[in-house]
Amino acid sequence: MTLALTDSDAPALCNLTGQIVRDNDYCSAHGGFSDIWMGTWLKGIERCKVAIKVLRVSNENEDTQEKMNKVRESI
């Protein structure tokens, strides 16, 4: 059985600009393409703890990427 979401099933996205504050100067976790930060959502008079996922973007060319892969393998 396969389930598919339609546009009407997708949750609405809210603009939270100015409502999220990072709690620390350093990320709590990281992966290959993103960092996870802990923060607080200033939701009116409420304060909610949240996790903030920040994608990392790279503009490295393929040659540089191959060199970095070799360095990672040697560590």
C-alpha atoms as a PDB file:
ATOM      1  CA  MET A   1       0.000   0.000   0.000  1.00  0.00           C
ATOM      2  CA  THR A   2       1.374   3.432  -0.940  1.00  0.00           C
ATOM      3  CA  LEU A   3       0.314   6.674   0.670  1.00  0.00           C
ATOM      4  CA  ALA A   4       0.802   9.960  -1.134  1.00  0.00           C
ATOM      5  CA  LEU A   5       0.394  13.486   0.133  1.00  0.00           C
ATOM      6  CA  THR A   6      -1.301  16.079  -1.983  1.00  0.00           C
ATOM      7  CA  ASP A   7      -0.751  19.834  -1.706  1.00  0.00           C
ATOM      8  CA  SER A   8      -3.905  20.074   0.379  1.00  0.00           C
ATOM      9  CA  ASP A   9      -2.453  17.539   2.877  1.00  0.00           C
ATOM     10  CA  ALA A  10       0.749  19.518   3.428  1.00  0.00           C
ATOM     11  CA  PRO A  11       0.920  21.619   6.595  1.00  0.00           C
ATOM     12  CA  ALA A  12       0.962  25.386   6.182  1.00  0.00           C
ATOM     13  CA  LEU A  13       4.377  26.997   6.615  1.00  0.00           C
ATOM     14  CA  CYS A  14       4.666  29.985   8.917  1.00  0.00           C
ATOM     15  CA  ASN A  15       7.280  32.736   8.724  1.00  0.00           C
ATOM     16  CA  LEU A  16       9.005  32.622  12.120  1.00  0.00           C
ATOM     17  CA  THR A  17      11.582  35.320  11.336  1.00  0.00           C
ATOM     18  CA  GLY A  18      12.354  37.246  14.505  1.00  0.00           C
ATOM     19  CA  GLN A  19      10.570  34.697  16.713  1.00  0.00           C
ATOM     20  CA  ILE A  20      13.388  32.132  17.052  1.00  0.00           C
ATOM     21  CA  VAL A  21      16.440  32.784  19.231  1.00  0.00           C
ATOM     22  CA  ARG A  22      19.511  30.508  19.347  1.00  0.00           C
ATOM     23  CA  ASP A  23      20.338  29.315  22.866  1.00  0.00           C
ATOM     24  CA  ASN A  24      24.077  28.649  22.309  1.00  0.00           C
ATOM     25  CA  ASP A  25      27.029  29.902  20.279  1.00  0.00           C
ATOM     26  CA  TYR A  26      27.726  26.393  18.955  1.00  0.00           C
ATOM     27  CA  CYS A  27      25.548  23.813  17.232  1.00  0.00           C
ATOM     28  CA  SER A  28      24.327  20.831  19.263  1.00  0.00           C
ATOM     29  CA  ALA A  29      24.819  18.286  16.469  1.00  0.00           C
ATOM     30  CA  HIS A  30      25.903  18.149  12.857  1.00  0.00           C
ATOM     31  CA  GLY A  31      25.810  15.884   9.864  1.00  0.00           C
ATOM     32  CA  GLY A  32      27.093  15.850   6.330  1.00  0.00           C
ATOM     33  CA  PHE A  33      24.833  18.588   5.053  1.00  0.00           C
ATOM     34  CA  SER A  34      23.387  20.390   8.080  1.00  0.00           C
ATOM     35  CA  ASP A  35      23.851  21.609  11.649  1.00  0.00           C
ATOM     36  CA  ILE A  36      21.319  21.339  14.483  1.00  0.00           C
ATOM     37  CA  TRP A  37      21.021  24.232  16.915  1.00  0.00           C
ATOM     38  CA  MET A  38      18.925  24.463  20.076  1.00  0.00           C
ATOM     39  CA  GLY A  39      16.751  27.518  20.380  1.00  0.00           C
ATOM     40  CA  THR A  40      13.683  29.138  21.852  1.00  0.00           C
ATOM     41  CA  TRP A  41      10.549  30.076  19.953  1.00  0.00           C
ATOM     42  CA  LEU A  42       9.176  33.324  21.365  1.00  0.00           C
ATOM     43  CA  LYS A  43       5.517  32.517  20.751  1.00  0.00           C
ATOM     44  CA  GLY A  44       3.663  35.504  22.190  1.00  0.00           C
ATOM     45  CA  ILE A  45       4.067  35.210  25.957  1.00  0.00           C
ATOM     46  CA  GLU A  46       4.998  31.509  25.663  1.00  0.00           C
ATOM     47  CA  ARG A  47       8.529  30.178  25.312  1.00  0.00           C
ATOM     48  CA  CYS A  48       8.965  26.848  23.472  1.00  0.00           C
ATOM     49  CA  LYS A  49      12.239  24.927  23.170  1.00  0.00           C
ATOM     50  CA  VAL A  50      12.931  24.042  19.529  1.00  0.00           C
ATOM     51  CA  ALA A  51      15.580  22.380  17.388  1.00  0.00           C
ATOM     52  CA  ILE A  52      16.744  24.413  14.391  1.00  0.00           C
ATOM     53  CA  LYS A  53      18.112  22.569  11.354  1.00  0.00           C
ATOM     54  CA  VAL A  54      20.416  24.711   9.204  1.00  0.00           C
ATOM     55  CA  LEU A  55      21.448  23.321   5.826  1.00  0.00           C
ATOM     56  CA  ARG A  56      25.062  23.900   4.781  1.00  0.00           C
ATOM     57  CA  VAL A  57      25.641  24.919   1.183  1.00  0.00           C
ATOM     58  CA  SER A  58      28.952  24.452  -0.571  1.00  0.00           C
ATOM     59  CA  ASN A  59      30.170  25.935  -3.811  1.00  0.00           C
ATOM     60  CA  GLU A  60      33.229  23.696  -4.117  1.00  0.00           C
ATOM     61  CA  ASN A  61      34.114  22.349  -7.532  1.00  0.00           C
ATOM     62  CA  GLU A  62      34.467  18.604  -8.207  1.00  0.00           C
ATOM     63  CA  ASP A  63      38.283  18.651  -7.967  1.00  0.00           C
ATOM     64  CA  THR A  64      38.180  20.216  -4.516  1.00  0.00           C
ATOM     65  CA  GLN A  65      35.458  17.797  -3.437  1.00  0.00           C
ATOM     66  CA  GLU A  66      37.573  14.788  -4.500  1.00  0.00           C
ATOM     67  CA  LYS A  67      40.518  16.116  -2.497  1.00  0.00           C
ATOM     68  CA  MET A  68      38.344  16.610   0.581  1.00  0.00           C
ATOM     69  CA  ASN A  69      36.989  13.057   0.247  1.00  0.00           C
ATOM     70  CA  LYS A  70      40.561  11.696   0.230  1.00  0.00           C
ATOM     71  CA  VAL A  71      41.401  13.721   3.333  1.00  0.00           C
ATOM     72  CA  ARG A  72      38.286  12.428   5.121  1.00  0.00           C
ATOM     73  CA  GLU A  73      39.151   8.828   4.209  1.00  0.00           C
ATOM     74  CA  SER A  74      42.671   9.206   5.591  1.00  0.00           C
ATOM     75  CA  ILE A  75      41.499  10.494   8.980  1.00  0.00           C
END
